[in-house]
Amino acid sequence: MKETQTEKVTYYLYINGKSDNKTIANDLGIISHNVRRITGQETLKGNYERVSRSVYVLSESKLKEYQELYKKVG
C-alpha cells in the first residue's frame, strides 16, 4: 500500500520534531502548497500543533500514538 503525503509529513514530524513547511516540502519532495494544506487540516483535526508561523510539531496525543506503535514494532 502506498504511503499518503499526509502520512509522510506526519512521520517526518515524528522523526525530526518541529519543522517549517518549506523544509518539509524540500526534504520530502512534496509541493509546498500541499504541505501547507496538510499541516493546516491536520492542525484543525488536532494532530499537529502550530508553534509559530508555518512551523508545526506533532500534538502530544499523536506523538504518544507513534511512540506506542514503534514500541510494538521495534
N, C-alpha and C. Protein backbone atom coordinates (compact mmCIF):
# COMPACT_ATOMS: atom_id res chain seq x y z
N MET A 1 0.84 -1.18 0.00
CA MET A 1 0.00 0.00 0.00
C MET A 1 0.88 1.24 0.00
N LYS A 2 0.55 2.20 -0.84
CA LYS A 2 1.35 3.41 -0.99
C LYS A 2 1.08 4.39 0.16
N GLU A 3 2.16 4.97 0.68
CA GLU A 3 2.06 5.93 1.77
C GLU A 3 1.52 7.27 1.25
N THR A 4 0.54 7.84 1.94
CA THR A 4 -0.02 9.12 1.51
C THR A 4 0.91 10.26 1.90
N GLN A 5 0.69 11.42 1.30
CA GLN A 5 1.51 12.59 1.62
C GLN A 5 1.31 12.99 3.09
N THR A 6 0.09 12.86 3.58
CA THR A 6 -0.18 13.18 4.99
C THR A 6 0.60 12.25 5.91
N GLU A 7 0.65 10.98 5.58
CA GLU A 7 1.42 10.02 6.38
C GLU A 7 2.91 10.35 6.34
N LYS A 8 3.40 10.76 5.18
CA LYS A 8 4.81 11.13 5.04
C LYS A 8 5.14 12.34 5.92
N VAL A 9 4.27 13.35 5.90
CA VAL A 9 4.50 14.56 6.68
C VAL A 9 4.43 14.23 8.18
N THR A 10 3.47 13.42 8.57
CA THR A 10 3.33 13.05 9.98
C THR A 10 4.56 12.29 10.46
N TYR A 11 5.04 11.33 9.67
CA TYR A 11 6.23 10.58 10.04
C TYR A 11 7.46 11.49 10.09
N TYR A 12 7.54 12.43 9.15
CA TYR A 12 8.65 13.39 9.13
C TYR A 12 8.67 14.20 10.42
N LEU A 13 7.51 14.68 10.86
CA LEU A 13 7.44 15.46 12.10
C LEU A 13 7.76 14.58 13.31
N TYR A 14 7.40 13.31 13.26
CA TYR A 14 7.72 12.39 14.35
C TYR A 14 9.24 12.22 14.47
N ILE A 15 9.91 12.05 13.35
CA ILE A 15 11.35 11.82 13.34
C ILE A 15 12.13 13.11 13.63
N ASN A 16 11.74 14.22 13.02
CA ASN A 16 12.52 15.46 13.07
C ASN A 16 12.05 16.49 14.08
N GLY A 17 10.90 16.29 14.68
CA GLY A 17 10.38 17.31 15.60
C GLY A 17 9.82 18.49 14.83
N LYS A 18 9.83 19.67 15.46
CA LYS A 18 9.21 20.81 14.80
C LYS A 18 9.96 21.21 13.55
N SER A 19 9.19 21.52 12.51
CA SER A 19 9.75 21.91 11.22
C SER A 19 8.82 22.89 10.54
N ASP A 20 9.40 23.67 9.64
CA ASP A 20 8.57 24.60 8.86
C ASP A 20 8.14 23.95 7.56
N ASN A 21 7.10 24.51 6.97
CA ASN A 21 6.52 23.94 5.75
C ASN A 21 7.53 23.83 4.61
N LYS A 22 8.36 24.83 4.44
CA LYS A 22 9.32 24.84 3.32
C LYS A 22 10.33 23.70 3.46
N THR A 23 10.83 23.48 4.67
CA THR A 23 11.80 22.41 4.91
C THR A 23 11.15 21.05 4.66
N ILE A 24 9.93 20.88 5.15
CA ILE A 24 9.21 19.62 4.96
C ILE A 24 9.02 19.36 3.46
N ALA A 25 8.59 20.38 2.74
CA ALA A 25 8.35 20.24 1.30
C ALA A 25 9.64 19.86 0.56
N ASN A 26 10.73 20.53 0.88
CA ASN A 26 12.01 20.25 0.21
C ASN A 26 12.52 18.86 0.55
N ASP A 27 12.47 18.48 1.81
CA ASP A 27 13.00 17.18 2.22
C ASP A 27 12.19 16.01 1.69
N LEU A 28 10.86 16.19 1.59
CA LEU A 28 10.01 15.08 1.15
C LEU A 28 9.69 15.11 -0.34
N GLY A 29 10.01 16.21 -1.02
CA GLY A 29 9.71 16.31 -2.44
C GLY A 29 8.22 16.49 -2.72
N ILE A 30 7.52 17.12 -1.80
CA ILE A 30 6.10 17.41 -1.95
C ILE A 30 5.99 18.91 -2.19
N ILE A 31 5.12 19.33 -3.11
CA ILE A 31 5.00 20.77 -3.37
C ILE A 31 4.50 21.48 -2.12
N SER A 32 5.00 22.70 -1.92
CA SER A 32 4.75 23.42 -0.67
C SER A 32 3.27 23.70 -0.44
N HIS A 33 2.50 23.91 -1.51
CA HIS A 33 1.06 24.13 -1.35
C HIS A 33 0.40 22.93 -0.67
N ASN A 34 0.78 21.73 -1.06
CA ASN A 34 0.21 20.53 -0.45
C ASN A 34 0.62 20.41 1.02
N VAL A 35 1.87 20.76 1.32
CA VAL A 35 2.32 20.70 2.71
C VAL A 35 1.55 21.70 3.56
N ARG A 36 1.32 22.90 3.04
CA ARG A 36 0.53 23.90 3.77
C ARG A 36 -0.89 23.40 4.02
N ARG A 37 -1.48 22.78 3.01
CA ARG A 37 -2.83 22.24 3.15
C ARG A 37 -2.86 21.12 4.19
N ILE A 38 -1.89 20.23 4.12
CA ILE A 38 -1.82 19.10 5.06
C ILE A 38 -1.65 19.60 6.49
N THR A 39 -0.69 20.50 6.70
CA THR A 39 -0.45 20.99 8.06
C THR A 39 -1.65 21.76 8.60
N GLY A 40 -2.30 22.53 7.75
CA GLY A 40 -3.49 23.27 8.17
C GLY A 40 -4.63 22.35 8.57
N GLN A 41 -4.91 21.36 7.73
CA GLN A 41 -6.01 20.43 8.01
C GLN A 41 -5.72 19.57 9.24
N GLU A 42 -4.50 19.10 9.36
CA GLU A 42 -4.14 18.24 10.50
C GLU A 42 -4.12 19.03 11.80
N THR A 43 -3.83 20.32 11.74
CA THR A 43 -3.90 21.17 12.93
C THR A 43 -5.35 21.31 13.38
N LEU A 44 -6.24 21.50 12.42
CA LEU A 44 -7.67 21.59 12.76
C LEU A 44 -8.19 20.28 13.36
N LYS A 45 -7.66 19.16 12.91
CA LYS A 45 -8.06 17.85 13.44
C LYS A 45 -7.43 17.56 14.80
N GLY A 46 -6.43 18.35 15.18
CA GLY A 46 -5.76 18.16 16.46
C GLY A 46 -4.56 17.24 16.41
N ASN A 47 -4.10 16.89 15.21
CA ASN A 47 -2.95 16.00 15.07
C ASN A 47 -1.62 16.75 15.13
N TYR A 48 -1.60 18.00 14.72
CA TYR A 48 -0.41 18.83 14.76
C TYR A 48 -0.70 20.05 15.62
N GLU A 49 0.37 20.69 16.09
CA GLU A 49 0.24 21.96 16.80
C GLU A 49 1.10 22.99 16.09
N ARG A 50 0.57 24.18 15.96
CA ARG A 50 1.32 25.27 15.31
C ARG A 50 2.19 25.93 16.36
N VAL A 51 3.49 25.94 16.12
CA VAL A 51 4.45 26.53 17.05
C VAL A 51 4.59 28.03 16.76
N SER A 52 4.74 28.36 15.50
CA SER A 52 4.78 29.75 15.04
C SER A 52 4.37 29.74 13.58
N ARG A 53 4.51 30.87 12.93
CA ARG A 53 4.07 30.96 11.54
C ARG A 53 4.76 29.90 10.69
N SER A 54 3.98 29.02 10.10
CA SER A 54 4.39 27.93 9.21
C SER A 54 5.32 26.90 9.87
N VAL A 55 5.38 26.87 11.20
CA VAL A 55 6.19 25.87 11.92
C VAL A 55 5.25 24.99 12.73
N TYR A 56 5.37 23.68 12.53
CA TYR A 56 4.46 22.74 13.15
C TYR A 56 5.21 21.62 13.86
N VAL A 57 4.51 20.99 14.81
CA VAL A 57 5.04 19.86 15.55
C VAL A 57 3.87 18.91 15.78
N LEU A 58 4.16 17.62 15.98
CA LEU A 58 3.09 16.67 16.29
C LEU A 58 2.46 17.02 17.63
N SER A 59 1.15 16.83 17.74
CA SER A 59 0.47 17.03 19.02
C SER A 59 0.91 15.92 19.98
N GLU A 60 0.72 16.15 21.27
CA GLU A 60 1.12 15.17 22.28
C GLU A 60 0.43 13.83 22.06
N SER A 61 -0.86 13.86 21.73
CA SER A 61 -1.61 12.61 21.54
C SER A 61 -1.08 11.83 20.34
N LYS A 62 -0.79 12.51 19.25
CA LYS A 62 -0.28 11.85 18.05
C LYS A 62 1.14 11.34 18.29
N LEU A 63 1.94 12.10 19.04
CA LEU A 63 3.30 11.68 19.37
C LEU A 63 3.27 10.40 20.20
N LYS A 64 2.39 10.33 21.18
CA LYS A 64 2.27 9.12 22.01
C LYS A 64 1.80 7.94 21.18
N GLU A 65 0.89 8.21 20.24
CA GLU A 65 0.39 7.15 19.35
C GLU A 65 1.53 6.56 18.52
N TYR A 66 2.38 7.42 17.96
CA TYR A 66 3.53 6.95 17.18
C TYR A 66 4.54 6.21 18.05
N GLN A 67 4.78 6.72 19.27
CA GLN A 67 5.73 6.06 20.17
C GLN A 67 5.25 4.66 20.54
N GLU A 68 3.96 4.50 20.79
CA GLU A 68 3.39 3.19 21.10
C GLU A 68 3.51 2.25 19.90
N LEU A 69 3.21 2.78 18.73
CA LEU A 69 3.27 1.98 17.50
C LEU A 69 4.67 1.47 17.25
N TYR A 70 5.67 2.34 17.39
CA TYR A 70 7.04 1.92 17.11
C TYR A 70 7.64 1.09 18.24
N LYS A 71 7.07 1.21 19.43
CA LYS A 71 7.50 0.37 20.55
C LYS A 71 7.07 -1.08 20.28
N LYS A 72 5.85 -1.24 19.72
CA LYS A 72 5.33 -2.56 19.40
C LYS A 72 6.09 -3.19 18.23
N VAL A 73 6.40 -2.38 17.23
CA VAL A 73 7.09 -2.86 16.03
C VAL A 73 8.56 -3.13 16.32
N GLY A 74 9.20 -2.21 17.05
CA GLY A 74 10.64 -2.28 17.30
C GLY A 74 10.95 -3.13 18.44
